[in-house]
C-alpha atoms as a PDB file:
ATOM      1  CA  UNK A   1       4.847 -80.442  29.547  1.00  0.00           C
ATOM      2  CA  UNK A   2       6.945 -78.529  32.072  1.00  0.00           C
ATOM      3  CA  UNK A   3       7.844 -75.996  29.366  1.00  0.00           C
ATOM      4  CA  UNK A   4       4.169 -75.264  28.817  1.00  0.00           C
ATOM      5  CA  UNK A   5       3.638 -74.538  32.498  1.00  0.00           C
ATOM      6  CA  UNK A   6       6.704 -72.306  32.674  1.00  0.00           C
ATOM      7  CA  UNK A   7       5.596 -70.347  29.610  1.00  0.00           C
ATOM      8  CA  UNK A   8       2.088 -69.965  30.955  1.00  0.00           C
ATOM      9  CA  UNK A   9       3.394 -68.620  34.256  1.00  0.00           C
ATOM     10  CA  UNK A  10       4.953 -65.755  32.321  1.00  0.00           C
ATOM     11  CA  UNK A  11       2.073 -65.088  29.899  1.00  0.00           C
ATOM     12  CA  UNK A  12      -1.392 -66.528  29.760  1.00  0.00           C
ATOM     13  CA  UNK A  13      -3.001 -67.419  26.404  1.00  0.00           C
ATOM     14  CA  UNK A  14      -5.388 -64.511  26.837  1.00  0.00           C
ATOM     15  CA  UNK A  15      -2.469 -62.106  27.276  1.00  0.00           C
ATOM     16  CA  UNK A  16      -0.689 -63.486  24.221  1.00  0.00           C
ATOM     17  CA  UNK A  17      -3.879 -63.233  22.207  1.00  0.00           C
ATOM     18  CA  UNK A  18      -4.332 -59.619  23.238  1.00  0.00           C
ATOM     19  CA  UNK A  19      -0.754 -58.828  22.214  1.00  0.00           C
ATOM     20  CA  UNK A  20      -1.083 -60.424  18.791  1.00  0.00           C
ATOM     21  CA  UNK A  21      -4.178 -58.339  18.077  1.00  0.00           C
ATOM     22  CA  UNK A  22      -1.933 -55.259  18.109  1.00  0.00           C
ATOM     23  CA  UNK A  23       0.503 -56.599  15.490  1.00  0.00           C
ATOM     24  CA  UNK A  24       0.848 -54.090  12.690  1.00  0.00           C
ATOM     25  CA  UNK A  25       3.280 -52.843  10.095  1.00  0.00           C
ATOM     26  CA  UNK A  26       4.311 -49.217  10.355  1.00  0.00           C
ATOM     27  CA  UNK A  27       7.090 -47.583   8.426  1.00  0.00           C
ATOM     28  CA  UNK A  28      10.288 -47.919  10.424  1.00  0.00           C
ATOM     29  CA  UNK A  29       8.905 -50.171  13.176  1.00  0.00           C
ATOM     30  CA  UNK A  30       7.847 -53.750  13.766  1.00  0.00           C
ATOM     31  CA  UNK A  31       5.886 -55.515  16.482  1.00  0.00           C
ATOM     32  CA  UNK A  32       7.786 -58.169  18.402  1.00  0.00           C
ATOM     33  CA  UNK A  33       7.029 -61.737  17.363  1.00  0.00           C
ATOM     34  CA  UNK A  34       8.518 -65.045  18.461  1.00  0.00           C
ATOM     35  CA  UNK A  35       9.761 -67.853  16.244  1.00  0.00           C
ATOM     36  CA  UNK A  36       9.004 -68.658  12.616  1.00  0.00           C
ATOM     37  CA  UNK A  37      10.874 -67.555   9.491  1.00  0.00           C
ATOM     38  CA  UNK A  38       9.640 -64.381   7.847  1.00  0.00           C
ATOM     39  CA  UNK A  39       9.715 -64.612   4.050  1.00  0.00           C
ATOM     40  CA  UNK A  40       8.722 -62.035   1.460  1.00  0.00           C
ATOM     41  CA  UNK A  41       6.682 -63.626  -1.319  1.00  0.00           C
ATOM     42  CA  UNK A  42       7.384 -62.095  -4.701  1.00  0.00           C
ATOM     43  CA  UNK A  43      10.316 -61.233  -6.934  1.00  0.00           C
ATOM     44  CA  UNK A  44      13.625 -59.834  -5.732  1.00  0.00           C
ATOM     45  CA  UNK A  45      14.021 -56.228  -6.951  1.00  0.00           C
ATOM     46  CA  UNK A  46      17.697 -56.929  -7.654  1.00  0.00           C
ATOM     47  CA  UNK A  47      17.795 -60.333  -9.410  1.00  0.00           C
ATOM     48  CA  UNK A  48      14.098 -61.195  -9.907  1.00  0.00           C
ATOM     49  CA  UNK A  49      14.426 -64.490  -7.969  1.00  0.00           C
ATOM     50  CA  UNK A  50      11.030 -65.568  -6.658  1.00  0.00           C
ATOM     51  CA  UNK A  51      10.297 -65.973  -2.929  1.00  0.00           C
ATOM     52  CA  UNK A  52      13.982 -65.909  -1.974  1.00  0.00           C
ATOM     53  CA  UNK A  53      13.967 -62.914   0.392  1.00  0.00           C
ATOM     54  CA  UNK A  54      14.019 -63.997   4.059  1.00  0.00           C
ATOM     55  CA  UNK A  55      15.076 -62.625   7.439  1.00  0.00           C
ATOM     56  CA  UNK A  56      18.838 -62.667   7.888  1.00  0.00           C
ATOM     57  CA  UNK A  57      20.313 -64.970  10.603  1.00  0.00           C
ATOM     58  CA  UNK A  58      21.266 -61.997  12.796  1.00  0.00           C
ATOM     59  CA  UNK A  59      17.761 -60.540  12.611  1.00  0.00           C
ATOM     60  CA  UNK A  60      16.280 -63.783  13.964  1.00  0.00           C
ATOM     61  CA  UNK A  61      18.323 -63.862  17.181  1.00  0.00           C
ATOM     62  CA  UNK A  62      16.163 -61.486  19.158  1.00  0.00           C
ATOM     63  CA  UNK A  63      12.555 -60.394  19.540  1.00  0.00           C
ATOM     64  CA  UNK A  64      13.491 -56.783  20.291  1.00  0.00           C
ATOM     65  CA  UNK A  65      10.954 -54.729  18.288  1.00  0.00           C
ATOM     66  CA  UNK A  66      13.697 -52.278  17.270  1.00  0.00           C
ATOM     67  CA  UNK A  67      16.004 -55.028  16.023  1.00  0.00           C
ATOM     68  CA  UNK A  68      15.753 -57.660  13.340  1.00  0.00           C
ATOM     69  CA  UNK A  69      14.370 -55.912  10.258  1.00  0.00           C
ATOM     70  CA  UNK A  70      17.107 -56.932   7.807  1.00  0.00           C
ATOM     71  CA  UNK A  71      16.365 -59.391   5.009  1.00  0.00           C
ATOM     72  CA  UNK A  72      18.533 -61.122   2.426  1.00  0.00           C
ATOM     73  CA  UNK A  73      17.847 -62.553  -1.015  1.00  0.00           C
ATOM     74  CA  UNK A  74      18.979 -66.167  -1.279  1.00  0.00           C
ATOM     75  CA  UNK A  75      19.416 -65.762  -5.022  1.00  0.00           C
ATOM     76  CA  UNK A  76      21.786 -62.789  -5.322  1.00  0.00           C
ATOM     77  CA  UNK A  77      22.795 -62.144  -1.695  1.00  0.00           C
ATOM     78  CA  UNK A  78      21.509 -58.548  -1.655  1.00  0.00           C
ATOM     79  CA  UNK A  79      20.663 -57.351   1.870  1.00  0.00           C
ATOM     80  CA  UNK A  80      18.059 -54.745   2.836  1.00  0.00           C
ATOM     81  CA  UNK A  81      18.239 -53.290   6.333  1.00  0.00           C
ATOM     82  CA  UNK A  82      14.482 -52.750   6.694  1.00  0.00           C
ATOM     83  CA  UNK A  83      12.020 -55.135   5.028  1.00  0.00           C
ATOM     84  CA  UNK A  84       9.060 -52.882   5.813  1.00  0.00           C
ATOM     85  CA  UNK A  85      10.609 -49.984   3.895  1.00  0.00           C
ATOM     86  CA  UNK A  86      11.439 -52.418   1.080  1.00  0.00           C
ATOM     87  CA  UNK A  87       7.781 -53.450   0.810  1.00  0.00           C
ATOM     88  CA  UNK A  88       6.610 -49.843   0.812  1.00  0.00           C
ATOM     89  CA  UNK A  89       9.207 -48.919  -1.813  1.00  0.00           C
ATOM     90  CA  UNK A  90       8.071 -51.729  -4.108  1.00  0.00           C
ATOM     91  CA  UNK A  91       4.454 -50.660  -3.752  1.00  0.00           C
ATOM     92  CA  UNK A  92       5.267 -47.195  -5.077  1.00  0.00           C
ATOM     93  CA  UNK A  93       6.414 -48.925  -8.275  1.00  0.00           C
ATOM     94  CA  UNK A  94       3.291 -51.062  -8.511  1.00  0.00           C
ATOM     95  CA  UNK A  95       5.023 -54.224  -7.314  1.00  0.00           C
ATOM     96  CA  UNK A  96       4.012 -56.400  -4.385  1.00  0.00           C
ATOM     97  CA  UNK A  97       6.032 -58.272  -1.772  1.00  0.00           C
ATOM     98  CA  UNK A  98       3.869 -60.215   0.679  1.00  0.00           C
ATOM     99  CA  UNK A  99       5.337 -60.891   4.151  1.00  0.00           C
ATOM    100  CA  UNK A 100       4.514 -64.374   5.442  1.00  0.00           C
ATOM    101  CA  UNK A 101       5.266 -65.772   8.887  1.00  0.00           C
ATOM    102  CA  UNK A 102       3.589 -68.510  10.946  1.00  0.00           C
ATOM    103  CA  UNK A 103       4.325 -68.136  14.662  1.00  0.00           C
ATOM    104  CA  UNK A 104       4.160 -70.610  17.556  1.00  0.00           C
ATOM    105  CA  UNK A 105       5.422 -68.772  20.657  1.00  0.00           C
ATOM    106  CA  UNK A 106       4.224 -71.497  23.049  1.00  0.00           C
ATOM    107  CA  UNK A 107       3.000 -75.080  22.383  1.00  0.00           C
ATOM    108  CA  UNK A 108      -0.675 -74.084  22.642  1.00  0.00           C
ATOM    109  CA  UNK A 109      -0.646 -70.947  20.524  1.00  0.00           C
ATOM    110  CA  UNK A 110      -0.270 -70.797  16.722  1.00  0.00           C
ATOM    111  CA  UNK A 111      -1.113 -67.970  14.352  1.00  0.00           C
ATOM    112  CA  UNK A 112      -0.331 -66.303  11.051  1.00  0.00           C
ATOM    113  CA  UNK A 113       1.552 -63.172  12.102  1.00  0.00           C
ATOM    114  CA  UNK A 114       1.941 -61.818   8.585  1.00  0.00           C
ATOM    115  CA  UNK A 115      -0.006 -60.863   6.543  1.00  0.00           C
ATOM    116  CA  UNK A 116      -1.799 -59.254   9.456  1.00  0.00           C
ATOM    117  CA  UNK A 117      -4.988 -58.227   7.634  1.00  0.00           C
ATOM    118  CA  UNK A 118      -6.877 -58.451   4.336  1.00  0.00           C
ATOM    119  CA  UNK A 119      -6.367 -62.217   4.106  1.00  0.00           C
ATOM    120  CA  UNK A 120      -8.354 -63.546   1.107  1.00  0.00           C
ATOM    121  CA  UNK A 121     -11.296 -65.758   2.091  1.00  0.00           C
ATOM    122  CA  UNK A 122     -10.249 -65.784   5.731  1.00  0.00           C
ATOM    123  CA  UNK A 123     -13.504 -67.316   7.014  1.00  0.00           C
ATOM    124  CA  UNK A 124     -13.362 -70.086   4.402  1.00  0.00           C
ATOM    125  CA  UNK A 125      -9.779 -70.887   5.446  1.00  0.00           C
ATOM    126  CA  UNK A 126     -10.762 -71.074   9.131  1.00  0.00           C
ATOM    127  CA  UNK A 127     -13.772 -73.252   8.327  1.00  0.00           C
ATOM    128  CA  UNK A 128     -11.664 -75.817   6.448  1.00  0.00           C
ATOM    129  CA  UNK A 129      -8.869 -75.817   9.049  1.00  0.00           C
ATOM    130  CA  UNK A 130     -11.366 -76.355  11.865  1.00  0.00           C
ATOM    131  CA  UNK A 131     -13.058 -79.125   9.873  1.00  0.00           C
ATOM    132  CA  UNK A 132      -9.653 -80.805   9.536  1.00  0.00           C
ATOM    133  CA  UNK A 133      -9.166 -80.711  13.319  1.00  0.00           C
ATOM    134  CA  UNK A 134     -12.663 -82.106  13.842  1.00  0.00           C
ATOM    135  CA  UNK A 135     -11.945 -84.976  11.428  1.00  0.00           C
ATOM    136  CA  UNK A 136      -8.548 -85.720  12.973  1.00  0.00           C
ATOM    137  CA  UNK A 137      -9.288 -85.424  16.703  1.00  0.00           C
ATOM    138  CA  UNK A 138     -13.046 -85.897  17.043  1.00  0.00           C
ATOM    139  CA  UNK A 139     -13.625 -82.304  18.149  1.00  0.00           C
ATOM    140  CA  UNK A 140     -16.919 -80.421  18.101  1.00  0.00           C
ATOM    141  CA  UNK A 141     -17.746 -76.815  17.289  1.00  0.00           C
ATOM    142  CA  UNK A 142     -17.580 -74.372  20.200  1.00  0.00           C
ATOM    143  CA  UNK A 143     -20.467 -71.932  20.132  1.00  0.00           C
ATOM    144  CA  UNK A 144     -18.476 -68.788  20.869  1.00  0.00           C
ATOM    145  CA  UNK A 145     -18.237 -65.488  19.003  1.00  0.00           C
ATOM    146  CA  UNK A 146     -14.706 -65.947  17.645  1.00  0.00           C
ATOM    147  CA  UNK A 147     -15.276 -69.599  16.742  1.00  0.00           C
ATOM    148  CA  UNK A 148     -13.433 -72.572  18.161  1.00  0.00           C
ATOM    149  CA  UNK A 149     -13.506 -76.273  18.989  1.00  0.00           C
ATOM    150  CA  UNK A 150     -14.193 -78.443  22.046  1.00  0.00           C
ATOM    151  CA  UNK A 151     -13.070 -81.895  23.110  1.00  0.00           C
ATOM    152  CA  UNK A 152     -15.624 -83.363  25.491  1.00  0.00           C
ATOM    153  CA  UNK A 153     -13.877 -85.686  27.954  1.00  0.00           C
ATOM    154  CA  UNK A 154     -13.806 -85.658  31.771  1.00  0.00           C
ATOM    155  CA  UNK A 155     -10.093 -86.510  31.850  1.00  0.00           C
ATOM    156  CA  UNK A 156      -8.759 -85.077  28.573  1.00  0.00           C
ATOM    157  CA  UNK A 157     -11.235 -82.367  27.606  1.00  0.00           C
ATOM    158  CA  UNK A 158     -10.275 -78.875  26.456  1.00  0.00           C
ATOM    159  CA  UNK A 159     -11.513 -75.878  24.500  1.00  0.00           C
ATOM    160  CA  UNK A 160      -9.519 -74.007  21.881  1.00  0.00           C
ATOM    161  CA  UNK A 161     -10.466 -70.744  20.178  1.00  0.00           C
ATOM    162  CA  UNK A 162      -9.863 -69.060  16.851  1.00  0.00           C
ATOM    163  CA  UNK A 163      -8.465 -65.556  16.644  1.00  0.00           C
ATOM    164  CA  UNK A 164     -11.094 -62.946  15.970  1.00  0.00           C
ATOM    165  CA  UNK A 165     -10.957 -59.762  13.881  1.00  0.00           C
ATOM    166  CA  UNK A 166      -8.737 -60.230  10.779  1.00  0.00           C
ATOM    167  CA  UNK A 167      -6.349 -62.954  11.923  1.00  0.00           C
ATOM    168  CA  UNK A 168      -5.972 -66.688  11.422  1.00  0.00           C
ATOM    169  CA  UNK A 169      -4.791 -68.697  14.401  1.00  0.00           C
ATOM    170  CA  UNK A 170      -5.633 -70.921  17.339  1.00  0.00           C
ATOM    171  CA  UNK A 171      -5.152 -70.498  21.084  1.00  0.00           C
ATOM    172  CA  UNK A 172      -5.893 -72.557  24.188  1.00  0.00           C
ATOM    173  CA  UNK A 173      -8.878 -71.391  26.254  1.00  0.00           C
ATOM    174  CA  UNK A 174      -9.454 -73.908  29.061  1.00  0.00           C
ATOM    175  CA  UNK A 175      -9.354 -77.563  30.105  1.00  0.00           C
ATOM    176  CA  UNK A 176      -6.473 -80.044  30.068  1.00  0.00           C
ATOM    177  CA  UNK A 177      -3.806 -78.067  28.236  1.00  0.00           C
ATOM    178  CA  UNK A 178      -1.373 -80.958  27.679  1.00  0.00           C
ATOM    179  CA  UNK A 179      -4.081 -82.930  25.858  1.00  0.00           C
ATOM    180  CA  UNK A 180      -4.515 -80.148  23.301  1.00  0.00           C
ATOM    181  CA  UNK A 181      -0.847 -79.981  22.207  1.00  0.00           C
ATOM    182  CA  UNK A 182      -1.212 -82.595  19.388  1.00  0.00           C
ATOM    183  CA  UNK A 183      -4.006 -80.454  17.926  1.00  0.00           C
ATOM    184  CA  UNK A 184      -1.664 -77.464  17.745  1.00  0.00           C
ATOM    185  CA  UNK A 185       1.085 -79.674  16.259  1.00  0.00           C
ATOM    186  CA  UNK A 186      -1.195 -80.743  13.411  1.00  0.00           C
ATOM    187  CA  UNK A 187      -2.640 -77.261  12.943  1.00  0.00           C
ATOM    188  CA  UNK A 188       0.858 -75.800  12.637  1.00  0.00           C
ATOM    189  CA  UNK A 189       1.827 -78.365   9.970  1.00  0.00           C
ATOM    190  CA  UNK A 190      -1.160 -77.454   7.804  1.00  0.00           C
ATOM    191  CA  UNK A 191      -0.588 -73.719   8.325  1.00  0.00           C
ATOM    192  CA  UNK A 192       3.046 -73.955   7.270  1.00  0.00           C
ATOM    193  CA  UNK A 193       2.171 -76.095   4.254  1.00  0.00           C
ATOM    194  CA  UNK A 194      -0.569 -73.678   3.194  1.00  0.00           C
ATOM    195  CA  UNK A 195       1.315 -70.413   3.673  1.00  0.00           C
ATOM    196  CA  UNK A 196       5.039 -71.201   3.595  1.00  0.00           C
ATOM    197  CA  UNK A 197       5.709 -74.221   1.352  1.00  0.00           C
ATOM    198  CA  UNK A 198       5.368 -74.776  -2.426  1.00  0.00           C
ATOM    199  CA  UNK A 199       3.168 -77.652  -3.582  1.00  0.00           C
ATOM    200  CA  UNK A 200       2.959 -79.761  -6.728  1.00  0.00           C
ATOM    201  CA  UNK A 201       0.410 -82.373  -7.813  1.00  0.00           C
ATOM    202  CA  UNK A 202       1.232 -83.796 -11.272  1.00  0.00           C
ATOM    203  CA  UNK A 203       0.718 -80.805 -13.595  1.00  0.00           C
ATOM    204  CA  UNK A 204      -0.591 -78.480 -10.859  1.00  0.00           C
ATOM    205  CA  UNK A 205       2.227 -76.389  -9.402  1.00  0.00           C
ATOM    206  CA  UNK A 206       1.500 -73.970  -6.559  1.00  0.00           C
ATOM    207  CA  UNK A 207       3.930 -71.353  -5.301  1.00  0.00           C
ATOM    208  CA  UNK A 208       4.520 -70.614  -1.623  1.00  0.00           C
ATOM    209  CA  UNK A 209       1.482 -68.910  -0.142  1.00  0.00           C
ATOM    210  CA  UNK A 210      -0.461 -69.215  -3.395  1.00  0.00           C
ATOM    211  CA  UNK A 211      -3.688 -68.631  -1.499  1.00  0.00           C
ATOM    212  CA  UNK A 212      -2.420 -65.171  -0.479  1.00  0.00           C
ATOM    213  CA  UNK A 213      -1.678 -64.198  -4.085  1.00  0.00           C
ATOM    214  CA  UNK A 214      -5.199 -64.685  -5.391  1.00  0.00           C
ATOM    215  CA  UNK A 215      -6.435 -61.772  -7.460  1.00  0.00           C
ATOM    216  CA  UNK A 216      -9.790 -60.051  -7.212  1.00  0.00           C
ATOM    217  CA  UNK A 217     -11.210 -62.438  -9.790  1.00  0.00           C
ATOM    218  CA  UNK A 218     -10.502 -65.475  -7.591  1.00  0.00           C
ATOM    219  CA  UNK A 219     -13.410 -67.332  -6.009  1.00  0.00           C
ATOM    220  CA  UNK A 220     -13.947 -69.316  -2.821  1.00  0.00           C
ATOM    221  CA  UNK A 221     -13.607 -72.445  -4.982  1.00  0.00           C
ATOM    222  CA  UNK A 222     -10.057 -71.385  -5.872  1.00  0.00           C
ATOM    223  CA  UNK A 223      -9.277 -70.909  -2.177  1.00  0.00           C
ATOM    224  CA  UNK A 224     -10.727 -74.357  -1.404  1.00  0.00           C
ATOM    225  CA  UNK A 225      -8.438 -75.973  -3.987  1.00  0.00           C
ATOM    226  CA  UNK A 226      -5.355 -74.517  -2.284  1.00  0.00           C
ATOM    227  CA  UNK A 227      -6.658 -75.531   1.136  1.00  0.00           C
ATOM    228  CA  UNK A 228      -7.325 -79.144   0.227  1.00  0.00           C
ATOM    229  CA  UNK A 229      -3.997 -79.364  -1.595  1.00  0.00           C
ATOM    230  CA  UNK A 230      -2.286 -78.337   1.660  1.00  0.00           C
ATOM    231  CA  UNK A 231      -4.284 -80.876   3.663  1.00  0.00           C
ATOM    232  CA  UNK A 232      -3.509 -83.614   1.128  1.00  0.00           C
ATOM    233  CA  UNK A 233       0.208 -82.788   1.314  1.00  0.00           C
ATOM    234  CA  UNK A 234       0.070 -82.837   5.110  1.00  0.00           C
ATOM    235  CA  UNK A 235      -2.017 -85.948   5.777  1.00  0.00           C
ATOM    236  CA  UNK A 236      -2.879 -87.682   2.502  1.00  0.00           C
ATOM    237  CA  UNK A 237      -5.740 -87.855   0.004  1.00  0.00           C
ATOM    238  CA  UNK A 238      -8.033 -90.077   2.088  1.00  0.00           C
ATOM    239  CA  UNK A 239      -7.843 -87.708   5.021  1.00  0.00           C
ATOM    240  CA  UNK A 240      -8.535 -84.723   2.744  1.00  0.00           C
ATOM    241  CA  UNK A 241     -11.679 -86.501   1.529  1.00  0.00           C
ATOM    242  CA  UNK A 242     -12.715 -87.026   5.163  1.00  0.00           C
ATOM    243  CA  UNK A 243     -12.216 -83.316   5.837  1.00  0.00           C
ATOM    244  CA  UNK A 244     -14.383 -82.443   2.832  1.00  0.00           C
ATOM    245  CA  UNK A 245     -17.215 -84.600   4.169  1.00  0.00           C
ATOM    246  CA  UNK A 246     -16.829 -83.021   7.618  1.00  0.00           C
ATOM    247  CA  UNK A 247     -17.013 -79.526   6.152  1.00  0.00           C
ATOM    248  CA  UNK A 248     -20.074 -80.387   4.072  1.00  0.00           C
ATOM    249  CA  UNK A 249     -21.760 -81.730   7.203  1.00  0.00           C
ATOM    250  CA  UNK A 250     -20.899 -78.533   9.101  1.00  0.00           C
ATOM    251  CA  UNK A 251     -22.225 -76.371   6.271  1.00  0.00           C
ATOM    252  CA  UNK A 252     -25.578 -78.178   6.313  1.00  0.00           C
ATOM    253  CA  UNK A 253     -26.025 -77.599  10.044  1.00  0.00           C
ATOM    254  CA  UNK A 254     -27.260 -74.030  10.690  1.00  0.00           C
ATOM    255  CA  UNK A 255     -25.702 -73.981  14.174  1.00  0.00           C
ATOM    256  CA  UNK A 256     -22.205 -75.152  13.220  1.00  0.00           C
ATOM    257  CA  UNK A 257     -22.224 -73.281   9.895  1.00  0.00           C
ATOM    258  CA  UNK A 258     -22.657 -69.943  11.659  1.00  0.00           C
ATOM    259  CA  UNK A 259     -20.059 -70.563  14.384  1.00  0.00           C
ATOM    260  CA  UNK A 260     -17.273 -72.738  12.951  1.00  0.00           C
ATOM    261  CA  UNK A 261     -15.350 -69.800  11.482  1.00  0.00           C
ATOM    262  CA  UNK A 262     -16.435 -67.176  14.001  1.00  0.00           C
ATOM    263  CA  UNK A 263     -19.171 -64.577  13.947  1.00  0.00           C
ATOM    264  CA  UNK A 264     -18.972 -61.253  12.163  1.00  0.00           C
ATOM    265  CA  UNK A 265     -20.137 -58.074  13.889  1.00  0.00           C
ATOM    266  CA  UNK A 266     -23.364 -58.341  11.910  1.00  0.00           C
ATOM    267  CA  UNK A 267     -23.823 -61.944  13.116  1.00  0.00           C
ATOM    268  CA  UNK A 268     -23.322 -60.864  16.734  1.00  0.00           C
ATOM    269  CA  UNK A 269     -25.892 -58.099  16.384  1.00  0.00           C
ATOM    270  CA  UNK A 270     -28.364 -60.504  14.793  1.00  0.00           C
ATOM    271  CA  UNK A 271     -27.895 -63.293  17.355  1.00  0.00           C
ATOM    272  CA  UNK A 272     -27.323 -61.472  20.625  1.00  0.00           C
ATOM    273  CA  UNK A 273     -28.626 -57.889  20.513  1.00  0.00           C
ATOM    274  CA  UNK A 274     -32.372 -57.724  21.163  1.00  0.00           C
ATOM    275  CA  UNK A 275     -34.386 -55.970  18.514  1.00  0.00           C
ATOM    276  CA  UNK A 276     -36.435 -52.962  19.583  1.00  0.00           C
ATOM    277  CA  UNK A 277     -40.077 -53.799  20.272  1.00  0.00           C
ATOM    278  CA  UNK A 278     -42.472 -53.393  17.386  1.00  0.00           C
ATOM    279  CA  UNK A 279     -44.937 -50.521  17.738  1.00  0.00           C
ATOM    280  CA  UNK A 280     -47.893 -50.266  15.416  1.00  0.00           C
ATOM    281  CA  UNK A 281     -49.331 -46.887  14.557  1.00  0.00           C
END
């Protein structure tokens, strides 16, 4: 736990959260991120190998924002010096490469760094992930705008929060930080299984990050299938069934249903901004 304290002395969770909110892709530049393996989902422009383009070893040695853009295809060995320009180039030809990277810069901070916006069914994903943490660790919903979870205990209690805006992630808010580390361990495993690893169940074969590849015709039911496949792969079928029951219970409760995945701007206006007084003519 000494590493946690040392990391927190340098940057607080609130500071890290604020930094991650500014992550963006711009042509020729990249925000600094720590840890994780960036992979481009899609076909190699050179050999057509699927999901084989990843950051090169040299580009993973530093977090300098001006260094580390090169990627390499594991199928043909082709190297591109700037993965952002590669993505933009492919888009001009009507092709899509999706950057994926799960980051854990400190033990009590996990998030999906890329894609950084337009994540399909984001609120549904957060709702299921939070339900999994509730089922695993006996947590309760935190009634805060961005959504989160609380462990009520005088000796081991803590509160963790979801990222707001367009991101998916979890960060430590307050309480006994060391007690929350197993929650982040489990959360990271599910995140990596959902976004970074392929999955197969008998005849059902899912590519890496299948949930990010859903077309416009996809439904929330499709997203739920991918989510519960990831949970089953991570912790087994019986646990996935427990998570489903937990989510159904949350959905039936008007208080938890509105807060478990965070409030939208419209929700905040409806709940917290007083309406103007009614004046009759």
